[in-house]
Amino acid sequence: MTAVQVSLGGRDSAHRAEEAEETVKELRAALASVGITLPSLRLDPASLARETPCPLVELGGCSVDVAARLAAALRARPAAEAR
């Protein structure tokens, strides 16, 4: 008898998780470049544990000061760059 391996998107799921991790790293670096740190920034573990993962990024809580600096950094970008 031959065993049949059924894939439920395992390779695709792993690729999604890797892309999501890379996106979190890029976001963390972009925030750091304007002096902002979101200590709770991470991937939501529950969103990765699903049979078909759909990664969600948790931005976490931050102080009012950090939120104000984040808003200022976003406003400082020219509209053409934001698209």
N, C-alpha and C. Protein backbone atom coordinates (compact mmCIF):
# COMPACT_ATOMS: atom_id res chain seq x y z
N MET A 1 0.84 -1.17 0.00
CA MET A 1 0.00 0.00 0.00
C MET A 1 0.89 1.24 0.00
N THR A 2 0.57 2.22 -0.83
CA THR A 2 1.35 3.44 -0.95
C THR A 2 0.69 4.55 -0.15
N ALA A 3 1.48 5.25 0.63
CA ALA A 3 0.95 6.39 1.39
C ALA A 3 0.83 7.58 0.46
N VAL A 4 -0.24 8.31 0.63
CA VAL A 4 -0.47 9.50 -0.17
C VAL A 4 -0.39 10.71 0.76
N GLN A 5 0.46 11.64 0.39
CA GLN A 5 0.61 12.84 1.21
C GLN A 5 -0.29 13.92 0.63
N VAL A 6 -1.15 14.45 1.47
CA VAL A 6 -2.06 15.50 1.05
C VAL A 6 -1.58 16.81 1.64
N SER A 7 -1.40 17.78 0.79
CA SER A 7 -0.95 19.09 1.25
C SER A 7 -2.15 20.03 1.30
N LEU A 8 -2.31 20.67 2.43
CA LEU A 8 -3.37 21.66 2.57
C LEU A 8 -2.79 23.06 2.49
N GLY A 9 -1.83 23.23 1.60
CA GLY A 9 -1.23 24.56 1.44
C GLY A 9 -0.09 24.79 2.40
N GLY A 10 0.53 23.73 2.87
CA GLY A 10 1.63 23.86 3.84
C GLY A 10 2.75 24.74 3.35
N ARG A 11 3.18 24.54 2.11
CA ARG A 11 4.28 25.35 1.57
C ARG A 11 3.82 26.79 1.41
N ASP A 12 2.59 26.98 0.90
CA ASP A 12 2.05 28.32 0.73
C ASP A 12 1.88 28.99 2.09
N SER A 13 1.42 28.22 3.06
CA SER A 13 1.23 28.76 4.41
C SER A 13 2.55 29.20 5.00
N ALA A 14 3.58 28.38 4.83
CA ALA A 14 4.90 28.74 5.34
C ALA A 14 5.40 30.01 4.65
N HIS A 15 5.15 30.11 3.35
CA HIS A 15 5.57 31.30 2.61
C HIS A 15 4.84 32.53 3.13
N ARG A 16 3.54 32.41 3.40
CA ARG A 16 2.78 33.54 3.95
C ARG A 16 3.35 33.99 5.28
N ALA A 17 3.66 33.01 6.14
CA ALA A 17 4.21 33.35 7.45
C ALA A 17 5.56 34.04 7.31
N GLU A 18 6.40 33.56 6.40
CA GLU A 18 7.70 34.20 6.18
C GLU A 18 7.54 35.62 5.66
N GLU A 19 6.61 35.81 4.72
CA GLU A 19 6.36 37.15 4.19
C GLU A 19 5.86 38.08 5.29
N ALA A 20 4.99 37.55 6.14
CA ALA A 20 4.45 38.35 7.24
C ALA A 20 5.56 38.75 8.21
N GLU A 21 6.45 37.82 8.54
CA GLU A 21 7.58 38.13 9.43
C GLU A 21 8.46 39.21 8.81
N GLU A 22 8.71 39.10 7.51
CA GLU A 22 9.53 40.10 6.82
C GLU A 22 8.84 41.46 6.84
N THR A 23 7.54 41.48 6.67
CA THR A 23 6.79 42.73 6.70
C THR A 23 6.88 43.38 8.08
N VAL A 24 6.78 42.58 9.12
CA VAL A 24 6.90 43.11 10.48
C VAL A 24 8.30 43.70 10.69
N LYS A 25 9.33 43.01 10.19
CA LYS A 25 10.70 43.54 10.31
C LYS A 25 10.83 44.86 9.57
N GLU A 26 10.25 44.94 8.36
CA GLU A 26 10.32 46.17 7.57
C GLU A 26 9.59 47.31 8.27
N LEU A 27 8.43 47.00 8.83
CA LEU A 27 7.66 48.02 9.56
C LEU A 27 8.43 48.49 10.78
N ARG A 28 9.02 47.55 11.52
CA ARG A 28 9.80 47.91 12.71
C ARG A 28 10.96 48.83 12.31
N ALA A 29 11.65 48.50 11.21
CA ALA A 29 12.78 49.32 10.75
C ALA A 29 12.31 50.70 10.29
N ALA A 30 11.19 50.74 9.57
CA ALA A 30 10.67 52.03 9.10
C ALA A 30 10.27 52.92 10.27
N LEU A 31 9.65 52.33 11.27
CA LEU A 31 9.28 53.10 12.45
C LEU A 31 10.53 53.59 13.18
N ALA A 32 11.51 52.71 13.31
CA ALA A 32 12.76 53.09 13.99
C ALA A 32 13.46 54.23 13.26
N SER A 33 13.34 54.27 11.94
CA SER A 33 14.01 55.33 11.17
C SER A 33 13.46 56.71 11.47
N VAL A 34 12.25 56.77 12.04
CA VAL A 34 11.69 58.06 12.45
C VAL A 34 11.57 58.14 13.97
N GLY A 35 12.34 57.28 14.65
CA GLY A 35 12.42 57.36 16.11
C GLY A 35 11.24 56.78 16.86
N ILE A 36 10.51 55.87 16.25
CA ILE A 36 9.33 55.30 16.89
C ILE A 36 9.54 53.81 17.13
N THR A 37 9.21 53.37 18.34
CA THR A 37 9.27 51.95 18.68
C THR A 37 7.91 51.52 19.20
N LEU A 38 7.37 50.48 18.62
CA LEU A 38 6.15 49.86 19.14
C LEU A 38 6.57 48.53 19.76
N PRO A 39 6.72 48.50 21.09
CA PRO A 39 7.28 47.31 21.73
C PRO A 39 6.45 46.05 21.53
N SER A 40 5.16 46.17 21.31
CA SER A 40 4.30 45.00 21.16
C SER A 40 4.10 44.58 19.71
N LEU A 41 4.79 45.22 18.78
CA LEU A 41 4.66 44.90 17.36
C LEU A 41 5.05 43.45 17.12
N ARG A 42 4.13 42.67 16.56
CA ARG A 42 4.40 41.25 16.31
C ARG A 42 3.31 40.67 15.44
N LEU A 43 3.52 39.43 15.02
CA LEU A 43 2.48 38.69 14.34
C LEU A 43 1.54 38.10 15.39
N ASP A 44 0.27 38.10 15.08
CA ASP A 44 -0.72 37.49 15.97
C ASP A 44 -0.59 35.98 15.88
N PRO A 45 -0.19 35.31 16.96
CA PRO A 45 0.03 33.87 16.90
C PRO A 45 -1.22 33.08 16.53
N ALA A 46 -2.38 33.53 16.96
CA ALA A 46 -3.62 32.81 16.64
C ALA A 46 -3.90 32.83 15.14
N SER A 47 -3.52 33.92 14.47
CA SER A 47 -3.78 34.00 13.03
C SER A 47 -2.86 33.07 12.25
N LEU A 48 -1.75 32.66 12.86
CA LEU A 48 -0.82 31.73 12.22
C LEU A 48 -1.17 30.28 12.52
N ALA A 49 -1.98 30.06 13.56
CA ALA A 49 -2.30 28.70 13.99
C ALA A 49 -3.48 28.09 13.24
N ARG A 50 -4.12 28.86 12.41
CA ARG A 50 -5.25 28.34 11.65
C ARG A 50 -4.79 27.32 10.63
N GLU A 51 -5.71 26.48 10.17
CA GLU A 51 -5.38 25.49 9.15
C GLU A 51 -4.83 26.17 7.90
N THR A 52 -5.46 27.28 7.52
CA THR A 52 -4.96 28.10 6.43
C THR A 52 -4.62 29.46 7.03
N PRO A 53 -3.37 29.66 7.39
CA PRO A 53 -2.99 30.89 8.08
C PRO A 53 -3.30 32.15 7.27
N CYS A 54 -3.78 33.13 7.98
CA CYS A 54 -4.01 34.47 7.41
C CYS A 54 -3.37 35.43 8.41
N PRO A 55 -2.05 35.63 8.27
CA PRO A 55 -1.31 36.41 9.28
C PRO A 55 -1.86 37.81 9.49
N LEU A 56 -2.00 38.16 10.76
CA LEU A 56 -2.40 39.50 11.16
C LEU A 56 -1.25 40.11 11.95
N VAL A 57 -1.02 41.39 11.76
CA VAL A 57 0.03 42.10 12.49
C VAL A 57 -0.61 42.83 13.66
N GLU A 58 -0.09 42.57 14.85
CA GLU A 58 -0.53 43.29 16.04
C GLU A 58 0.38 44.48 16.24
N LEU A 59 -0.20 45.66 16.24
CA LEU A 59 0.60 46.86 16.46
C LEU A 59 0.78 47.11 17.95
N GLY A 60 -0.15 46.63 18.76
CA GLY A 60 -0.04 46.76 20.20
C GLY A 60 -0.39 48.16 20.67
N GLY A 61 -0.33 48.33 21.96
CA GLY A 61 -0.62 49.62 22.56
C GLY A 61 0.63 50.49 22.58
N CYS A 62 0.41 51.79 22.67
CA CYS A 62 1.54 52.71 22.78
C CYS A 62 1.08 53.92 23.57
N SER A 63 2.04 54.68 24.05
CA SER A 63 1.72 55.89 24.80
C SER A 63 1.14 56.96 23.87
N VAL A 64 0.52 57.94 24.47
CA VAL A 64 -0.02 59.05 23.68
C VAL A 64 1.12 59.77 22.95
N ASP A 65 2.27 59.89 23.60
CA ASP A 65 3.43 60.53 22.96
C ASP A 65 3.86 59.78 21.70
N VAL A 66 3.93 58.46 21.80
CA VAL A 66 4.32 57.65 20.63
C VAL A 66 3.26 57.77 19.54
N ALA A 67 1.99 57.75 19.91
CA ALA A 67 0.92 57.90 18.92
C ALA A 67 1.01 59.26 18.22
N ALA A 68 1.32 60.31 18.96
CA ALA A 68 1.46 61.65 18.37
C ALA A 68 2.64 61.69 17.41
N ARG A 69 3.77 61.05 17.80
CA ARG A 69 4.93 61.03 16.92
C ARG A 69 4.66 60.21 15.66
N LEU A 70 3.90 59.13 15.81
CA LEU A 70 3.53 58.32 14.65
C LEU A 70 2.65 59.12 13.70
N ALA A 71 1.67 59.82 14.23
CA ALA A 71 0.81 60.66 13.39
C ALA A 71 1.62 61.74 12.69
N ALA A 72 2.54 62.36 13.40
CA ALA A 72 3.38 63.41 12.80
C ALA A 72 4.26 62.83 11.69
N ALA A 73 4.80 61.65 11.90
CA ALA A 73 5.65 61.02 10.88
C ALA A 73 4.84 60.70 9.63
N LEU A 74 3.62 60.25 9.81
CA LEU A 74 2.78 59.94 8.66
C LEU A 74 2.36 61.21 7.92
N ARG A 75 2.06 62.27 8.66
CA ARG A 75 1.68 63.53 8.02
C ARG A 75 2.85 64.16 7.28
N ALA A 76 4.07 63.92 7.74
CA ALA A 76 5.26 64.54 7.14
C ALA A 76 5.59 63.98 5.77
N ARG A 77 5.06 62.82 5.44
CA ARG A 77 5.33 62.23 4.13
C ARG A 77 4.52 62.95 3.06
N PRO A 78 5.14 63.31 1.96
CA PRO A 78 4.38 63.90 0.86
C PRO A 78 3.31 62.91 0.38
N ALA A 79 2.18 63.42 -0.06
CA ALA A 79 1.05 62.58 -0.47
C ALA A 79 1.45 61.59 -1.58
N ALA A 80 2.33 61.99 -2.49
CA ALA A 80 2.74 61.13 -3.58
C ALA A 80 3.50 59.90 -3.05
N GLU A 81 4.28 60.05 -1.98
CA GLU A 81 5.02 58.94 -1.41
C GLU A 81 4.10 57.96 -0.72
N ALA A 82 3.01 58.44 -0.17
CA ALA A 82 2.10 57.59 0.60
C ALA A 82 1.34 56.60 -0.29
N ARG A 83 1.31 56.83 -1.59
CA ARG A 83 0.57 55.94 -2.50
C ARG A 83 1.39 54.85 -2.96
